[in-house]
Protein backbone atom coordinates (compact mmCIF):
# COMPACT_ATOMS: atom_id res chain seq x y z
CA MET A 1 91.07 101.78 93.00
CA LEU A 2 94.66 102.96 92.63
CA ASP A 3 93.58 106.60 92.81
CA TYR A 4 91.64 105.89 96.00
CA LEU A 5 94.46 103.98 97.68
CA THR A 6 97.14 106.51 96.76
CA SER A 7 94.87 109.29 98.10
CA LYS A 8 94.90 107.37 101.39
CA GLY A 9 98.69 107.59 101.50
CA PHE A 10 99.78 104.28 99.97
CA SER A 11 102.63 104.43 97.48
CA TYR A 12 102.54 102.64 94.13
CA LYS A 13 105.40 100.45 95.36
CA GLU A 14 103.32 99.41 98.40
CA LEU A 15 100.37 98.63 96.14
CA GLN A 16 102.66 96.55 93.94
CA LEU A 17 104.01 94.65 96.97
CA ALA A 18 100.43 93.96 98.06
CA ASN A 19 99.73 92.58 94.56
CA VAL A 20 97.03 95.20 93.99
CA ALA A 21 98.96 97.00 91.26
CA GLU A 22 101.46 96.07 88.58
CA CYS A 23 103.71 98.26 86.47
CA LYS A 24 104.04 98.00 82.69
CA ASN A 25 105.80 100.57 80.51
CA ASP A 26 106.28 102.80 83.58
CA ARG A 27 102.49 102.87 84.22
CA TYR A 28 100.78 101.30 87.21
CA TYR A 29 97.50 99.53 86.71
CA ASP A 30 94.92 97.73 88.84
CA VAL A 31 95.59 93.97 88.61
CA MET A 32 92.00 93.15 89.54
CA GLY A 33 90.39 95.59 87.11
CA GLU A 34 87.53 94.27 84.95
CA ARG A 35 87.06 91.30 87.26
CA LEU A 36 84.39 90.14 89.69
CA ILE A 37 86.03 90.62 93.08
CA PHE A 38 85.32 88.38 96.06
CA PRO A 39 86.47 89.73 99.43
CA ILE A 40 88.10 87.05 101.59
CA PHE A 41 87.26 87.19 105.29
CA ASN A 42 89.01 85.27 108.05
CA ILE A 43 87.19 83.40 110.79
CA HIS A 44 86.98 86.65 112.81
CA ASP A 45 85.10 88.39 109.96
CA GLU A 46 88.05 90.61 108.99
CA CYS A 47 88.72 91.23 105.29
CA ILE A 48 92.20 89.83 104.67
CA GLY A 49 92.39 89.53 100.89
CA PHE A 50 90.64 89.29 97.56
CA SER A 51 90.02 86.82 94.79
CA ALA A 52 89.10 88.24 91.40
CA ARG A 53 87.54 86.27 88.55
CA SER A 54 87.95 87.41 84.99
CA LEU A 55 84.82 88.47 83.16
CA SER A 56 86.52 87.91 79.80
CA PRO A 57 86.78 84.44 78.23
CA ASP A 58 90.10 85.54 76.68
CA ALA A 59 91.84 86.35 79.97
CA ARG A 60 95.22 84.74 80.57
CA ALA A 61 94.42 84.00 84.19
CA LYS A 62 90.87 83.05 85.16
CA TYR A 63 91.49 84.01 88.82
CA LYS A 64 93.88 86.44 90.48
CA ASN A 65 94.24 86.21 94.25
CA SER A 66 95.88 88.28 96.93
CA VAL A 67 99.41 87.11 97.55
CA ASN A 68 100.31 85.24 100.72
CA SER A 69 101.39 87.64 103.43
CA VAL A 70 101.40 88.06 107.19
CA VAL A 71 97.67 88.90 106.92
CA PHE A 72 96.59 86.47 104.20
CA ASP A 73 97.57 82.82 103.85
CA LYS A 74 95.36 80.78 101.54
CA SER A 75 96.57 77.53 103.11
CA LYS A 76 95.03 78.61 106.44
CA ASN A 77 91.88 80.49 105.39
CA MET A 78 88.70 79.32 103.68
CA TYR A 79 86.07 81.24 101.77
CA GLY A 80 82.87 81.37 103.85
CA ILE A 81 84.44 80.29 107.17
CA ASN A 82 83.32 83.58 108.75
CA ILE A 83 79.70 82.86 107.80
CA VAL A 84 79.86 79.34 109.23
CA ARG A 85 81.36 80.64 112.48
CA LYS A 86 78.58 83.27 112.81
CA LEU A 87 76.00 80.58 112.09
CA LYS A 88 77.40 78.44 114.90
CA GLN A 89 76.85 81.32 117.33
CA THR A 90 73.11 81.25 116.65
CA GLN A 91 72.39 77.57 116.04
CA LYS A 92 73.81 74.06 116.17
CA ILE A 93 75.73 73.05 113.07
CA ASN A 94 75.46 69.34 112.30
CA TYR A 95 78.00 69.40 109.46
CA ILE A 96 80.05 71.67 107.21
CA ILE A 97 79.96 71.29 103.43
CA ILE A 98 83.22 71.75 101.51
CA VAL A 99 82.68 72.90 97.92
CA GLU A 100 85.15 73.84 95.21
CA GLY A 101 85.00 77.62 94.84
CA GLN A 102 83.54 80.96 95.83
CA MET A 103 80.62 80.77 93.40
CA ASP A 104 79.77 77.34 94.84
CA VAL A 105 79.68 78.79 98.38
CA ILE A 106 77.48 81.66 97.21
CA SER A 107 75.12 79.25 95.40
CA MET A 108 74.95 76.97 98.43
CA ASN A 109 74.17 79.93 100.69
CA LYS A 110 71.44 81.08 98.32
CA ALA A 111 69.94 77.56 98.45
CA GLY A 112 69.90 77.70 102.26
CA PHE A 113 73.17 75.90 103.04
CA GLU A 114 75.02 78.61 104.97
CA ASN A 115 77.31 75.91 106.37
CA SER A 116 79.44 75.83 103.19
CA VAL A 117 83.11 76.71 102.70
CA ALA A 118 85.71 76.50 99.92
CA CYS A 119 89.47 76.41 99.79
CA LEU A 120 91.14 79.38 98.16
CA GLY A 121 92.64 77.94 94.99
CA THR A 122 94.68 75.37 96.84
CA ALA A 123 94.23 71.86 98.14
CA LEU A 124 92.71 71.41 101.59
CA THR A 125 95.43 71.52 104.25
CA LEU A 126 95.66 70.25 107.80
CA ASP A 127 95.28 73.88 108.95
CA HIS A 128 91.99 74.08 107.04
CA ALA A 129 90.82 70.80 108.57
CA ARG A 130 91.72 71.94 112.10
CA ALA A 131 89.82 75.21 111.61
CA LEU A 132 86.76 73.22 110.51
CA LYS A 133 87.10 70.82 113.46
CA ASN A 134 87.00 73.78 115.85
CA ILE A 135 83.52 74.53 114.51
CA CYS A 136 82.07 71.08 113.83
CA GLU A 137 83.20 67.44 113.90
CA LYS A 138 81.36 66.35 110.74
CA VAL A 139 82.21 67.39 107.16
CA VAL A 140 80.55 66.65 103.82
CA VAL A 141 82.81 66.87 100.75
CA CYS A 142 80.98 68.15 97.66
CA LEU A 143 83.63 68.99 95.07
CA ASP A 144 83.08 68.98 91.31
CA GLY A 145 82.39 65.65 89.61
CA ASP A 146 85.04 66.01 86.90
CA SER A 147 88.26 63.98 87.12
CA ALA A 148 90.16 66.83 88.82
CA GLY A 149 87.35 67.17 91.37
CA GLN A 150 87.33 63.43 92.01
CA LYS A 151 91.09 63.39 92.65
CA ALA A 152 90.77 66.43 94.92
CA THR A 153 87.95 64.71 96.81
CA ILE A 154 90.17 61.73 97.62
CA ARG A 155 93.02 63.99 98.81
CA THR A 156 90.57 66.11 100.82
CA ILE A 157 89.01 63.10 102.55
CA ASP A 158 92.47 61.82 103.53
CA VAL A 159 93.38 65.16 105.15
CA LEU A 160 90.04 65.41 106.96
CA ILE A 161 90.37 61.89 108.36
CA GLU A 162 93.94 62.63 109.44
CA ALA A 163 92.59 65.64 111.38
CA GLY A 164 90.05 63.39 113.11
CA LEU A 165 86.93 64.64 111.39
CA ASP A 166 83.87 62.52 110.59
CA VAL A 167 83.65 62.62 106.78
C-alpha cells in the first residue's frame, strides 16, 4: 500500500500523519498490514476511513482505526449507515438495529437485516443518535450479552432516549 500511495504523490510524512504508516528504525511500514480491513463510509457513501482487525491472536492491538481528522470522526460516523440510508431510498424502514461491531453488521446484512449499524470503537454519542433519527424514529439495541455489552446497552439506551428516539 505504501508503494502505491507514494507513487500517487503522497509523502511518507503525509502517510504517517494519516495514520496509514509508521516509522521504526528509519523504515516506514503499513500499520494495517496483515489485517482484515473494513472501509468506513459516511452517510453519503464516501470512504472516509478504515478499521483493520488483526488476523493474529498474538497482536498487541486487536483493531487499528483511522485517526480522527477533518474527514473522519468516529464519534459522528457509524459503520453501515450508508447502507441504511440507501435502503431508506428504496423502502420504508421500520427500525434500525444497533450492533456492536463491523462483523456484526456484516452478519446481520447476510441474514437479511440491512438496517443494521455499529459504532466505531466508541460509545454511542448524541451525534450518532441524531444521524439515526434523521433516517428512522425507532431503534433496536442488540449489543453483546457479556457484562461490557450490558453496560454499553444501558448507556446507549439513555443516549437514544435523550435524542428522542423510540427504543
